PDB file of N, CA and C in Angstrom:
ATOM      1  N   MET A   1       1.024  -1.265  -0.167  1.00  0.00           N
ATOM      2  CA  MET A   1       0.098  -0.205  -0.166  1.00  0.00           C
ATOM      3  C   MET A   1       1.202   1.306  -0.241  1.00  0.00           C
ATOM      4  N   HIS A   2       1.966   0.747   0.688  1.00  0.00           N
ATOM      5  CA  HIS A   2       2.778   2.160   0.431  1.00  0.00           C
ATOM      6  C   HIS A   2       3.039   2.497  -0.742  1.00  0.00           C
ATOM      7  N   MET A   3       3.968   1.544  -1.407  1.00  0.00           N
ATOM      8  CA  MET A   3       4.152   2.059  -2.571  1.00  0.00           C
ATOM      9  C   MET A   3       3.434   2.633  -3.521  1.00  0.00           C
ATOM     10  N   VAL A   4       2.435   1.394  -3.877  1.00  0.00           N
ATOM     11  CA  VAL A   4       1.549   2.269  -4.294  1.00  0.00           C
ATOM     12  C   VAL A   4       1.223   4.260  -3.691  1.00  0.00           C
ATOM     13  N   THR A   5       0.677   4.326  -2.855  1.00  0.00           N
ATOM     14  CA  THR A   5       0.922   6.108  -3.213  1.00  0.00           C
ATOM     15  C   THR A   5       1.902   7.110  -2.873  1.00  0.00           C
ATOM     16  N   ARG A   6       3.210   5.377  -2.906  1.00  0.00           N
ATOM     17  CA  ARG A   6       4.103   7.009  -3.514  1.00  0.00           C
ATOM     18  C   ARG A   6       4.814   6.713  -4.931  1.00  0.00           C
ATOM     19  N   LEU A   7       3.892   5.981  -5.434  1.00  0.00           N
ATOM     20  CA  LEU A   7       3.890   6.317  -7.275  1.00  0.00           C
ATOM     21  C   LEU A   7       3.332   7.079  -7.487  1.00  0.00           C
ATOM     22  N   ILE A   8       1.516   7.243  -6.797  1.00  0.00           N
ATOM     23  CA  ILE A   8       0.608   7.852  -7.439  1.00  0.00           C
ATOM     24  C   ILE A   8       1.559   9.745  -6.793  1.00  0.00           C
ATOM     25  N   ARG A   9       1.538   9.903  -6.148  1.00  0.00           N
ATOM     26  CA  ARG A   9       2.555  11.045  -6.142  1.00  0.00           C
ATOM     27  C   ARG A   9       3.446  11.195  -6.331  1.00  0.00           C
ATOM     28  N   TRP A  10       4.232  10.406  -6.470  1.00  0.00           N
ATOM     29  CA  TRP A  10       5.553  10.088  -7.761  1.00  0.00           C
ATOM     30  C   TRP A  10       4.567  11.047  -8.988  1.00  0.00           C
ATOM     31  N   TYR A  11       3.615  10.680  -9.209  1.00  0.00           N
ATOM     32  CA  TYR A  11       2.515  10.299 -10.797  1.00  0.00           C
ATOM     33  C   TYR A  11       2.484  11.907 -10.432  1.00  0.00           C
ATOM     34  N   ARG A  12       1.732  12.060  -9.377  1.00  0.00           N
ATOM     35  CA  ARG A  12       1.198  13.073  -9.381  1.00  0.00           C
ATOM     36  C   ARG A  12       1.820  14.948 -10.062  1.00  0.00           C
ATOM     37  N   TYR A  13       3.410  14.432 -10.348  1.00  0.00           N
ATOM     38  CA  TYR A  13       4.060  15.816  -9.981  1.00  0.00           C
ATOM     39  C   TYR A  13       4.617  16.344 -11.167  1.00  0.00           C
ATOM     40  N   ARG A  14       3.739  14.337 -11.873  1.00  0.00           N
ATOM     41  CA  ARG A  14       4.247  14.969 -13.619  1.00  0.00           C
ATOM     42  C   ARG A  14       3.684  15.776 -13.801  1.00  0.00           C
ATOM     43  N   TRP A  15       2.455  16.250 -13.468  1.00  0.00           N
ATOM     44  CA  TRP A  15       1.193  17.043 -13.727  1.00  0.00           C
ATOM     45  C   TRP A  15       2.045  18.359 -14.358  1.00  0.00           C
ATOM     46  N   GLY A  16       3.124  18.908 -12.959  1.00  0.00           N
ATOM     47  CA  GLY A  16       3.111  20.005 -13.162  1.00  0.00           C
ATOM     48  C   GLY A  16       4.289  20.096 -14.108  1.00  0.00           C
ATOM     49  N   ILE A  17       5.350  19.190 -15.226  1.00  0.00           N
ATOM     50  CA  ILE A  17       5.622  18.677 -16.142  1.00  0.00           C
ATOM     51  C   ILE A  17       4.728  18.993 -17.839  1.00  0.00           C
ATOM     52  N   GLU A  18       3.687  18.546 -17.733  1.00  0.00           N
ATOM     53  CA  GLU A  18       2.813  18.088 -19.031  1.00  0.00           C
ATOM     54  C   GLU A  18       2.136  19.669 -19.142  1.00  0.00           C
ATOM     55  N   ASN A  19       2.070  20.313 -18.166  1.00  0.00           N
ATOM     56  CA  ASN A  19       1.208  21.654 -17.389  1.00  0.00           C
ATOM     57  C   ASN A  19       2.064  22.728 -18.165  1.00  0.00           C
ATOM     58  N   GLY A  20       3.248  22.544 -18.179  1.00  0.00           N
ATOM     59  CA  GLY A  20       4.741  23.185 -18.700  1.00  0.00           C
ATOM     60  C   GLY A  20       5.035  23.136 -20.692  1.00  0.00           C
ATOM     61  N   TYR A  21       4.181  21.725 -20.072  1.00  0.00           N
ATOM     62  CA  TYR A  21       4.575  22.419 -22.032  1.00  0.00           C
ATOM     63  C   TYR A  21       3.637  23.492 -22.750  1.00  0.00           C
ATOM     64  N   LYS A  22       2.318  22.386 -21.792  1.00  0.00           N
ATOM     65  CA  LYS A  22       0.674  23.547 -22.188  1.00  0.00           C
ATOM     66  C   LYS A  22       1.477  24.816 -22.800  1.00  0.00           C
ATOM     67  N   THR A  23       1.826  25.044 -21.298  1.00  0.00           N
ATOM     68  CA  THR A  23       2.147  27.242 -20.760  1.00  0.00           C
ATOM     69  C   THR A  23       2.909  27.657 -22.057  1.00  0.00           C
ATOM     70  N   ILE A  24       3.635  26.808 -22.564  1.00  0.00           N
ATOM     71  CA  ILE A  24       5.040  26.949 -22.528  1.00  0.00           C
ATOM     72  C   ILE A  24       4.213  27.499 -24.751  1.00  0.00           C
ATOM     73  N   LYS A  25       2.818  27.529 -24.992  1.00  0.00           N
ATOM     74  CA  LYS A  25       2.654  27.670 -26.274  1.00  0.00           C
ATOM     75  C   LYS A  25       2.233  29.375 -25.779  1.00  0.00           C
ATOM     76  N   THR A  26       2.280  30.162 -24.778  1.00  0.00           N
ATOM     77  CA  THR A  26       1.581  30.557 -24.006  1.00  0.00           C
ATOM     78  C   THR A  26       2.616  32.326 -24.818  1.00  0.00           C
ATOM     79  N   PHE A  27       3.905  30.997 -25.150  1.00  0.00           N
ATOM     80  CA  PHE A  27       5.417  32.531 -25.104  1.00  0.00           C
ATOM     81  C   PHE A  27       5.324  31.968 -25.873  1.00  0.00           C
ATOM     82  N   MET A  28       4.848  31.329 -27.323  1.00  0.00           N
ATOM     83  CA  MET A  28       5.418  31.044 -28.438  1.00  0.00           C
ATOM     84  C   MET A  28       4.831  32.398 -29.850  1.00  0.00           C
ATOM     85  N   VAL A  29       5.461  32.453 -30.415  1.00  0.00           N
ATOM     86  CA  VAL A  29       4.959  33.153 -31.711  1.00  0.00           C
ATOM     87  C   VAL A  29       3.928  32.383 -32.804  1.00  0.00           C
ATOM     88  N   ARG A  30       3.592  32.990 -33.206  1.00  0.00           N
ATOM     89  CA  ARG A  30       2.161  32.320 -33.400  1.00  0.00           C
ATOM     90  C   ARG A  30       2.702  32.558 -35.594  1.00  0.00           C
ATOM     91  N   THR A  31       3.208  31.523 -36.177  1.00  0.00           N
ATOM     92  CA  THR A  31       4.145  31.286 -37.080  1.00  0.00           C
ATOM     93  C   THR A  31       3.474  30.513 -38.754  1.00  0.00           C
ATOM     94  N   THR A  32       3.233  31.443 -39.289  1.00  0.00           N
ATOM     95  CA  THR A  32       2.931  29.504 -40.445  1.00  0.00           C
ATOM     96  C   THR A  32       4.792  29.668 -41.732  1.00  0.00           C
ATOM     97  N   SER A  33       5.573  29.239 -40.919  1.00  0.00           N
ATOM     98  CA  SER A  33       6.777  29.387 -41.340  1.00  0.00           C
ATOM     99  C   SER A  33       6.803  27.891 -40.759  1.00  0.00           C
ATOM    100  N   THR A  34       7.417  27.814 -42.621  1.00  0.00           N
ATOM    101  CA  THR A  34       7.946  26.691 -42.924  1.00  0.00           C
ATOM    102  C   THR A  34       9.310  25.684 -42.618  1.00  0.00           C
ATOM    103  N   CYS A  35      10.395  26.848 -42.271  1.00  0.00           N
ATOM    104  CA  CYS A  35      11.503  26.905 -42.362  1.00  0.00           C
ATOM    105  C   CYS A  35      11.949  26.130 -40.929  1.00  0.00           C
ATOM    106  N   PRO A  36      12.482  24.712 -40.266  1.00  0.00           N
ATOM    107  CA  PRO A  36      12.518  24.035 -39.273  1.00  0.00           C
ATOM    108  C   PRO A  36      13.601  25.249 -37.988  1.00  0.00           C
ATOM    109  N   ARG A  37      14.800  25.972 -38.296  1.00  0.00           N
ATOM    110  CA  ARG A  37      15.116  26.940 -37.827  1.00  0.00           C
ATOM    111  C   ARG A  37      14.736  28.021 -37.385  1.00  0.00           C
ATOM    112  N   TYR A  38      14.043  28.702 -37.989  1.00  0.00           N
ATOM    113  CA  TYR A  38      13.568  29.341 -37.383  1.00  0.00           C
ATOM    114  C   TYR A  38      12.470  29.117 -36.930  1.00  0.00           C
ATOM    115  N   ARG A  39      11.490  27.783 -36.597  1.00  0.00           N
ATOM    116  CA  ARG A  39      10.502  27.165 -35.478  1.00  0.00           C
ATOM    117  C   ARG A  39      10.787  25.997 -34.392  1.00  0.00           C
ATOM    118  N   PHE A  40      12.039  25.315 -34.555  1.00  0.00           N
ATOM    119  CA  PHE A  40      13.402  25.455 -33.494  1.00  0.00           C
ATOM    120  C   PHE A  40      13.693  26.517 -32.638  1.00  0.00           C
ATOM    121  N   PHE A  41      13.672  27.874 -33.195  1.00  0.00           N
ATOM    122  CA  PHE A  41      14.318  29.203 -32.685  1.00  0.00           C
ATOM    123  C   PHE A  41      13.185  29.619 -31.609  1.00  0.00           C
ATOM    124  N   ASN A  42      12.811  29.835 -32.633  1.00  0.00           N
ATOM    125  CA  ASN A  42      10.422  30.152 -31.819  1.00  0.00           C
ATOM    126  C   ASN A  42      10.841  29.103 -30.763  1.00  0.00           C
ATOM    127  N   PHE A  43      10.387  28.109 -31.146  1.00  0.00           N
ATOM    128  CA  PHE A  43       9.871  26.890 -29.527  1.00  0.00           C
ATOM    129  C   PHE A  43      11.536  27.316 -28.520  1.00  0.00           C
ATOM    130  N   MET A  44      12.729  27.140 -28.545  1.00  0.00           N
ATOM    131  CA  MET A  44      13.985  28.145 -27.872  1.00  0.00           C
ATOM    132  C   MET A  44      14.113  29.272 -27.432  1.00  0.00           C
ATOM    133  N   PHE A  45      13.620  30.077 -27.851  1.00  0.00           N
ATOM    134  CA  PHE A  45      13.175  31.647 -26.914  1.00  0.00           C
ATOM    135  C   PHE A  45      11.492  31.537 -26.606  1.00  0.00           C
ATOM    136  N   ALA A  46      10.741  30.056 -25.943  1.00  0.00           N
ATOM    137  CA  ALA A  46       9.681  30.350 -25.906  1.00  0.00           C
ATOM    138  C   ALA A  46      10.172  29.929 -24.132  1.00  0.00           C
ATOM    139  N   CYS A  47      11.098  28.442 -24.698  1.00  0.00           N
ATOM    140  CA  CYS A  47      11.429  27.855 -23.457  1.00  0.00           C
ATOM    141  C   CYS A  47      11.986  29.016 -22.411  1.00  0.00           C
ATOM    142  N   VAL A  48      12.927  30.061 -22.979  1.00  0.00           N
ATOM    143  CA  VAL A  48      13.224  30.562 -21.916  1.00  0.00           C
ATOM    144  C   VAL A  48      12.263  31.548 -21.769  1.00  0.00           C
ATOM    145  N   LEU A  49      12.086  32.117 -21.845  1.00  0.00           N
ATOM    146  CA  LEU A  49      10.521  33.518 -21.846  1.00  0.00           C
ATOM    147  C   LEU A  49       9.681  32.411 -20.127  1.00  0.00           C
ATOM    148  N   TYR A  50       9.410  30.763 -20.745  1.00  0.00           N
ATOM    149  CA  TYR A  50       8.842  30.525 -19.733  1.00  0.00           C
ATOM    150  C   TYR A  50      10.008  29.906 -18.639  1.00  0.00           C
ATOM    151  N   ASN A  51      11.129  29.698 -19.148  1.00  0.00           N
ATOM    152  CA  ASN A  51      12.363  29.655 -17.212  1.00  0.00           C
ATOM    153  C   ASN A  51      12.182  30.594 -16.830  1.00  0.00           C
ATOM    154  N   THR A  52      11.720  32.061 -17.382  1.00  0.00           N
ATOM    155  CA  THR A  52      11.827  33.119 -16.617  1.00  0.00           C
ATOM    156  C   THR A  52      10.926  32.952 -16.318  1.00  0.00           C
ATOM    157  N   TRP A  53      10.034  32.497 -16.542  1.00  0.00           N
ATOM    158  CA  TRP A  53       8.938  33.285 -15.947  1.00  0.00           C
ATOM    159  C   TRP A  53       8.254  32.709 -14.080  1.00  0.00           C
ATOM    160  N   ARG A  54       9.252  30.876 -14.933  1.00  0.00           N
ATOM    161  CA  ARG A  54       8.844  29.644 -13.555  1.00  0.00           C
ATOM    162  C   ARG A  54       9.929  31.057 -12.860  1.00  0.00           C
ATOM    163  N   LEU A  55      11.033  31.758 -12.548  1.00  0.00           N
ATOM    164  CA  LEU A  55      12.300  32.016 -12.153  1.00  0.00           C
ATOM    165  C   LEU A  55      11.621  33.349 -10.989  1.00  0.00           C
ATOM    166  N   VAL A  56      10.782  34.764 -11.488  1.00  0.00           N
ATOM    167  CA  VAL A  56      10.009  35.569 -11.733  1.00  0.00           C
ATOM    168  C   VAL A  56       8.760  35.383 -10.058  1.00  0.00           C
ATOM    169  N   ASP A  57       7.767  33.898 -11.248  1.00  0.00           N
ATOM    170  CA  ASP A  57       7.438  33.216 -10.166  1.00  0.00           C
ATOM    171  C   ASP A  57       7.433  33.083  -8.684  1.00  0.00           C
ATOM    172  N   LEU A  58       8.336  32.437  -8.831  1.00  0.00           N
ATOM    173  CA  LEU A  58       8.888  31.711  -7.582  1.00  0.00           C
ATOM    174  C   LEU A  58      10.245  32.695  -6.477  1.00  0.00           C
ATOM    175  N   LEU A  59      10.435  33.208  -7.158  1.00  0.00           N
ATOM    176  CA  LEU A  59      11.393  34.619  -5.924  1.00  0.00           C
ATOM    177  C   LEU A  59      10.261  35.729  -6.020  1.00  0.00           C
ATOM    178  N   VAL A  60       8.701  35.759  -6.627  1.00  0.00           N
ATOM    179  CA  VAL A  60       8.161  36.859  -5.653  1.00  0.00           C
ATOM    180  C   VAL A  60       7.523  35.946  -4.733  1.00  0.00           C
ATOM    181  N   LYS A  61       6.731  34.427  -4.939  1.00  0.00           N
ATOM    182  CA  LYS A  61       6.296  33.363  -3.910  1.00  0.00           C
ATOM    183  C   LYS A  61       7.001  33.693  -2.397  1.00  0.00           C
ATOM    184  N   LEU A  62       8.891  33.175  -2.410  1.00  0.00           N
ATOM    185  CA  LEU A  62       9.250  33.133  -2.196  1.00  0.00           C
ATOM    186  C   LEU A  62       9.413  34.687  -1.055  1.00  0.00           C
ATOM    187  N   SER A  63       9.449  35.396  -1.583  1.00  0.00           N
ATOM    188  CA  SER A  63       9.578  36.497  -1.026  1.00  0.00           C
ATOM    189  C   SER A  63       7.837  37.064  -0.369  1.00  0.00           C
ATOM    190  N   LEU A  64       6.620  36.554  -0.755  1.00  0.00           N
ATOM    191  CA  LEU A  64       5.600  36.513  -0.140  1.00  0.00           C
ATOM    192  C   LEU A  64       5.109  35.353   0.862  1.00  0.00           C
ATOM    193  N   GLU A  65       5.156  34.509   0.837  1.00  0.00           N
ATOM    194  CA  GLU A  65       5.115  33.324   1.339  1.00  0.00           C
ATOM    195  C   GLU A  65       6.002  32.129   2.159  1.00  0.00           C
ATOM    196  N   GLU A  66       6.324  31.496   3.268  1.00  0.00           N
ATOM    197  CA  GLU A  66       6.985  31.029   4.383  1.00  0.00           C
ATOM    198  C   GLU A  66       7.202  29.513   3.105  1.00  0.00           C
ATOM    199  N   HIS A  67       6.305  28.839   2.923  1.00  0.00           N
ATOM    200  CA  HIS A  67       6.166  27.753   2.523  1.00  0.00           C
ATOM    201  C   HIS A  67       5.462  28.164   1.176  1.00  0.00           C
ATOM    202  N   PRO A  68       5.956  28.322   0.458  1.00  0.00           N
ATOM    203  CA  PRO A  68       5.403  28.079  -1.039  1.00  0.00           C
ATOM    204  C   PRO A  68       4.910  26.531  -2.087  1.00  0.00           C
ATOM    205  N   ASP A  69       3.475  26.772  -2.616  1.00  0.00           N
ATOM    206  CA  ASP A  69       2.959  25.644  -2.999  1.00  0.00           C
ATOM    207  C   ASP A  69       3.890  25.328  -4.577  1.00  0.00           C
ATOM    208  N   TYR A  70       3.180  24.905  -5.735  1.00  0.00           N
ATOM    209  CA  TYR A  70       3.136  25.044  -6.537  1.00  0.00           C
ATOM    210  C   TYR A  70       2.689  25.778  -8.012  1.00  0.00           C
ATOM    211  N   SER A  71       1.191  25.585  -7.568  1.00  0.00           N
ATOM    212  CA  SER A  71       0.065  26.840  -7.608  1.00  0.00           C
ATOM    213  C   SER A  71       0.802  28.110  -8.396  1.00  0.00           C
ATOM    214  N   PRO A  72       1.122  28.611  -9.118  1.00  0.00           N
ATOM    215  CA  PRO A  72       1.583  30.210  -9.823  1.00  0.00           C
ATOM    216  C   PRO A  72       0.983  31.128  -9.446  1.00  0.00           C
ATOM    217  N   ARG A  73       2.177  32.452  -8.453  1.00  0.00           N
ATOM    218  CA  ARG A  73       1.336  33.148  -8.463  1.00  0.00           C
ATOM    219  C   ARG A  73       1.282  34.699  -9.339  1.00  0.00           C
ATOM    220  N   VAL A  74       1.990  34.869 -10.472  1.00  0.00           N
ATOM    221  CA  VAL A  74       2.584  35.149 -11.164  1.00  0.00           C
ATOM    222  C   VAL A  74       1.898  34.816 -12.357  1.00  0.00           C
ATOM    223  N   ASP A  75       0.979  35.078 -13.091  1.00  0.00           N
ATOM    224  CA  ASP A  75      -0.039  34.299 -13.867  1.00  0.00           C
ATOM    225  C   ASP A  75       0.910  34.372 -15.400  1.00  0.00           C
ATOM    226  N   ALA A  76       1.048  33.755 -16.369  1.00  0.00           N
ATOM    227  CA  ALA A  76       2.006  33.963 -17.386  1.00  0.00           C
ATOM    228  C   ALA A  76       1.285  35.205 -18.051  1.00  0.00           C
ATOM    229  N   ASN A  77      -0.025  35.304 -18.630  1.00  0.00           N
ATOM    230  CA  ASN A  77      -0.407  36.371 -19.064  1.00  0.00           C
ATOM    231  C   ASN A  77       0.414  37.211 -18.730  1.00  0.00           C
ATOM    232  N   GLN A  78       0.183  38.118 -17.325  1.00  0.00           N
ATOM    233  CA  GLN A  78       0.806  39.107 -16.770  1.00  0.00           C
ATOM    234  C   GLN A  78       2.029  38.759 -17.556  1.00  0.00           C
ATOM    235  N   PHE A  79       2.775  37.879 -17.226  1.00  0.00           N
ATOM    236  CA  PHE A  79       4.915  38.082 -16.863  1.00  0.00           C
ATOM    237  C   PHE A  79       4.567  38.521 -18.407  1.00  0.00           C
ATOM    238  N   VAL A  80       3.376  37.796 -20.210  1.00  0.00           N
ATOM    239  CA  VAL A  80       3.887  38.748 -21.612  1.00  0.00           C
ATOM    240  C   VAL A  80       3.784  39.665 -21.220  1.00  0.00           C
ATOM    241  N   THR A  81       2.427  40.213 -20.808  1.00  0.00           N
ATOM    242  CA  THR A  81       1.960  41.707 -20.701  1.00  0.00           C
ATOM    243  C   THR A  81       3.023  42.719 -20.283  1.00  0.00           C
ATOM    244  N   ILE A  82       3.892  42.126 -19.167  1.00  0.00           N
ATOM    245  CA  ILE A  82       4.797  42.599 -18.326  1.00  0.00           C
ATOM    246  C   ILE A  82       6.136  43.291 -19.457  1.00  0.00           C
ATOM    247  N   ALA A  83       5.859  41.946 -20.461  1.00  0.00           N
ATOM    248  CA  ALA A  83       7.952  41.939 -20.380  1.00  0.00           C
ATOM    249  C   ALA A  83       7.285  42.581 -22.237  1.00  0.00           C
ATOM    250  N   LYS A  84       6.369  42.879 -22.328  1.00  0.00           N
ATOM    251  CA  LYS A  84       6.067  43.711 -24.185  1.00  0.00           C
ATOM    252  C   LYS A  84       5.686  45.156 -23.419  1.00  0.00           C
ATOM    253  N   GLN A  85       5.839  44.811 -22.732  1.00  0.00           N
ATOM    254  CA  GLN A  85       5.234  46.834 -21.957  1.00  0.00           C
ATOM    255  C   GLN A  85       7.047  46.994 -21.918  1.00  0.00           C
ATOM    256  N   TYR A  86       7.451  46.434 -21.541  1.00  0.00           N
ATOM    257  CA  TYR A  86       8.930  46.855 -20.161  1.00  0.00           C
ATOM    258  C   TYR A  86       9.659  46.304 -21.683  1.00  0.00           C
ATOM    259  N   TYR A  87       9.860  45.359 -22.316  1.00  0.00           N
ATOM    260  CA  TYR A  87      10.561  45.363 -23.547  1.00  0.00           C
ATOM    261  C   TYR A  87      11.762  45.082 -24.867  1.00  0.00           C
ATOM    262  N   GLY A  88       9.385  45.182 -25.125  1.00  0.00           N
ATOM    263  CA  GLY A  88       9.227  45.241 -26.823  1.00  0.00           C
ATOM    264  C   GLY A  88       9.764  44.199 -27.350  1.00  0.00           C
ATOM    265  N   LEU A  89       8.584  42.881 -26.636  1.00  0.00           N
ATOM    266  CA  LEU A  89       8.976  41.940 -27.443  1.00  0.00           C
ATOM    267  C   LEU A  89       8.200  41.320 -28.329  1.00  0.00           C
ATOM    268  N   ASP A  90       7.205  42.586 -29.103  1.00  0.00           N
ATOM    269  CA  ASP A  90       5.988  42.257 -30.332  1.00  0.00           C
ATOM    270  C   ASP A  90       7.115  42.007 -31.297  1.00  0.00           C
ATOM    271  N   PRO A  91       6.582  40.249 -31.893  1.00  0.00           N
ATOM    272  CA  PRO A  91       7.098  40.380 -33.401  1.00  0.00           C
ATOM    273  C   PRO A  91       7.194  41.517 -34.270  1.00  0.00           C
ATOM    274  N   PRO A  92       9.014  40.891 -35.121  1.00  0.00           N
ATOM    275  CA  PRO A  92       8.421  42.033 -36.768  1.00  0.00           C
ATOM    276  C   PRO A  92       8.062  42.069 -37.344  1.00  0.00           C
ATOM    277  N   ASP A  93       7.863  43.061 -37.823  1.00  0.00           N
ATOM    278  CA  ASP A  93       6.327  43.496 -39.400  1.00  0.00           C
ATOM    279  C   ASP A  93       6.840  42.563 -40.856  1.00  0.00           C
TER     280      ASP A  93
END
């Protein structure tokens, strides 16, 4: 019974990874290009933005809470909006 409980707990943490890949789509540029190098660059840039968002979220949670949980305090859309305002991350025309 203990092993089953541990397996369920371990599998529950995996959903954070699965949902992370879904959230990366928030950071991806919509494109119709078929160039694999350009699409790969867009994916890698989205991964960098996602990791930056997770770091900012963690730092905010650590400054506000003593024992933070997994749920984000800073929303991904909120992060992208602020990044666009301050750093001009709009795609070129």
